[in-house]
Every structure is written in C-alpha cells, then in structure tokens.
Amino acid sequence: MEPAWVKVQGLKFQLLQKIYNLPNGGTKLTPYYALTKTECLYIAKKFNKPDS
C-alpha cells in the first residue's frame, strides 16, 4: 500500500522507534508507524472489500 500512498501524497509513512527499558537493565528498540487520522483512514479504506 505504501507505493500507492507515495503516489497520492508524495511521501512515505513515518517509521519511528521507541526505546523500552528492560527489567534486566538493557533496552529494546521497537519500531512503529506514527500515522495521522488521514493515513489511518486511507489504510482502513484499502482493507475494505467491495460488495459482490
């Protein structure tokens, strides 16, 4: 879906990383996408199947 979004908006979804502190003193990087309401609606629309 991302190539279609780039075609429509001219940019990609923003991939970020969050750092979690682990109980053993280490850290863990967890990737996530920071999506706007418009981006969420675009993705949801792509998952809807047309009525047959």
N, C-alpha and C. Protein backbone atom coordinates (compact mmCIF):
# COMPACT_ATOMS: atom_id res chain seq x y z
N MET A 1 0.81 -1.19 0.00
CA MET A 1 0.00 0.00 0.00
C MET A 1 0.86 1.26 0.00
N GLU A 2 2.05 1.19 0.53
CA GLU A 2 2.86 2.39 0.65
C GLU A 2 3.17 3.04 -0.70
N PRO A 3 3.48 2.27 -1.77
CA PRO A 3 3.72 2.93 -3.06
C PRO A 3 2.51 3.74 -3.53
N ALA A 4 1.31 3.25 -3.28
CA ALA A 4 0.11 3.99 -3.65
C ALA A 4 0.00 5.28 -2.84
N TRP A 5 0.34 5.21 -1.56
CA TRP A 5 0.30 6.41 -0.71
C TRP A 5 1.32 7.43 -1.18
N VAL A 6 2.51 6.97 -1.54
CA VAL A 6 3.55 7.87 -2.04
C VAL A 6 3.06 8.56 -3.32
N LYS A 7 2.37 7.82 -4.16
CA LYS A 7 1.84 8.39 -5.39
C LYS A 7 0.79 9.46 -5.09
N VAL A 8 -0.04 9.22 -4.09
CA VAL A 8 -1.11 10.17 -3.74
C VAL A 8 -0.56 11.38 -3.00
N GLN A 9 0.27 11.14 -1.98
CA GLN A 9 0.72 12.21 -1.08
C GLN A 9 2.15 12.70 -1.35
N GLY A 10 2.95 11.89 -2.04
CA GLY A 10 4.33 12.30 -2.30
C GLY A 10 5.29 12.02 -1.17
N LEU A 11 4.86 11.28 -0.15
CA LEU A 11 5.76 10.91 0.94
C LEU A 11 5.36 9.57 1.52
N LYS A 12 6.26 8.99 2.31
CA LYS A 12 6.03 7.66 2.89
C LYS A 12 5.49 7.79 4.31
N PHE A 13 4.94 6.67 4.82
CA PHE A 13 4.54 6.64 6.22
C PHE A 13 5.78 6.80 7.08
N GLN A 14 5.67 7.49 8.20
CA GLN A 14 6.81 7.77 9.05
C GLN A 14 7.07 6.61 10.01
N LEU A 15 8.20 5.92 9.83
CA LEU A 15 8.60 4.82 10.70
C LEU A 15 9.49 5.36 11.81
N LEU A 16 9.09 5.11 13.06
CA LEU A 16 9.85 5.57 14.22
C LEU A 16 10.25 4.38 15.07
N GLN A 17 11.07 4.62 16.08
CA GLN A 17 11.46 3.58 17.02
C GLN A 17 11.30 4.10 18.44
N LYS A 18 10.77 3.24 19.30
CA LYS A 18 10.63 3.57 20.71
C LYS A 18 11.62 2.72 21.50
N ILE A 19 12.27 3.33 22.48
CA ILE A 19 13.23 2.62 23.32
C ILE A 19 12.54 2.22 24.62
N TYR A 20 12.52 0.92 24.89
CA TYR A 20 11.95 0.41 26.14
C TYR A 20 13.08 -0.02 27.05
N ASN A 21 12.97 0.32 28.33
CA ASN A 21 13.92 -0.15 29.33
C ASN A 21 13.46 -1.50 29.84
N LEU A 22 14.35 -2.48 29.82
CA LEU A 22 14.03 -3.83 30.27
C LEU A 22 14.38 -3.99 31.74
N PRO A 23 13.72 -4.93 32.42
CA PRO A 23 13.98 -5.15 33.85
C PRO A 23 15.43 -5.53 34.17
N ASN A 24 16.11 -6.16 33.21
CA ASN A 24 17.50 -6.58 33.45
C ASN A 24 18.50 -5.46 33.21
N GLY A 25 18.02 -4.23 32.94
CA GLY A 25 18.90 -3.10 32.74
C GLY A 25 19.20 -2.80 31.28
N GLY A 26 18.78 -3.66 30.40
CA GLY A 26 19.01 -3.45 28.97
C GLY A 26 17.90 -2.60 28.36
N THR A 27 18.01 -2.40 27.06
CA THR A 27 17.00 -1.66 26.33
C THR A 27 16.57 -2.44 25.10
N LYS A 28 15.40 -2.10 24.59
CA LYS A 28 14.87 -2.76 23.40
C LYS A 28 14.28 -1.70 22.48
N LEU A 29 14.67 -1.72 21.19
CA LEU A 29 14.09 -0.81 20.21
C LEU A 29 12.90 -1.49 19.55
N THR A 30 11.76 -0.81 19.54
CA THR A 30 10.55 -1.34 18.93
C THR A 30 10.09 -0.37 17.84
N PRO A 31 10.04 -0.83 16.58
CA PRO A 31 9.59 0.06 15.51
C PRO A 31 8.07 0.23 15.50
N TYR A 32 7.61 1.39 15.08
CA TYR A 32 6.18 1.65 14.93
C TYR A 32 5.99 2.78 13.91
N TYR A 33 4.80 2.85 13.35
CA TYR A 33 4.46 3.93 12.43
C TYR A 33 3.63 4.98 13.16
N ALA A 34 4.01 6.24 12.99
CA ALA A 34 3.24 7.35 13.54
C ALA A 34 2.30 7.81 12.42
N LEU A 35 1.02 7.45 12.52
CA LEU A 35 0.06 7.75 11.47
C LEU A 35 -0.90 8.85 11.88
N THR A 36 -1.23 9.69 10.92
CA THR A 36 -2.24 10.71 11.15
C THR A 36 -3.61 10.08 10.94
N LYS A 37 -4.65 10.81 11.25
CA LYS A 37 -6.01 10.31 11.04
C LYS A 37 -6.23 10.02 9.56
N THR A 38 -5.75 10.87 8.69
CA THR A 38 -5.91 10.69 7.24
C THR A 38 -5.22 9.41 6.78
N GLU A 39 -4.01 9.15 7.29
CA GLU A 39 -3.28 7.94 6.92
C GLU A 39 -4.01 6.69 7.41
N CYS A 40 -4.55 6.74 8.63
CA CYS A 40 -5.30 5.60 9.16
C CYS A 40 -6.54 5.32 8.32
N LEU A 41 -7.26 6.37 7.94
CA LEU A 41 -8.45 6.19 7.11
C LEU A 41 -8.08 5.64 5.74
N TYR A 42 -6.96 6.07 5.19
CA TYR A 42 -6.51 5.57 3.89
C TYR A 42 -6.24 4.07 3.97
N ILE A 43 -5.56 3.64 5.02
CA ILE A 43 -5.26 2.21 5.19
C ILE A 43 -6.54 1.42 5.41
N ALA A 44 -7.43 1.92 6.25
CA ALA A 44 -8.69 1.21 6.51
C ALA A 44 -9.49 1.07 5.23
N LYS A 45 -9.50 2.08 4.42
CA LYS A 45 -10.24 2.04 3.15
C LYS A 45 -9.68 0.97 2.23
N LYS A 46 -8.37 0.76 2.24
CA LYS A 46 -7.74 -0.24 1.39
C LYS A 46 -8.09 -1.66 1.82
N PHE A 47 -8.44 -1.87 3.10
CA PHE A 47 -8.77 -3.19 3.59
C PHE A 47 -10.24 -3.55 3.38
N ASN A 48 -11.08 -2.56 3.09
CA ASN A 48 -12.50 -2.83 2.84
C ASN A 48 -12.67 -3.51 1.50
N LYS A 49 -13.40 -4.63 1.49
CA LYS A 49 -13.66 -5.35 0.25
C LYS A 49 -14.94 -4.80 -0.39
N PRO A 50 -14.94 -4.63 -1.71
CA PRO A 50 -16.18 -4.18 -2.35
C PRO A 50 -17.26 -5.26 -2.26
N ASP A 51 -18.50 -4.82 -2.17
CA ASP A 51 -19.62 -5.76 -2.13
C ASP A 51 -19.73 -6.50 -3.45
N SER A 52 -19.98 -7.81 -3.39
CA SER A 52 -20.10 -8.60 -4.61
C SER A 52 -21.52 -9.05 -4.84
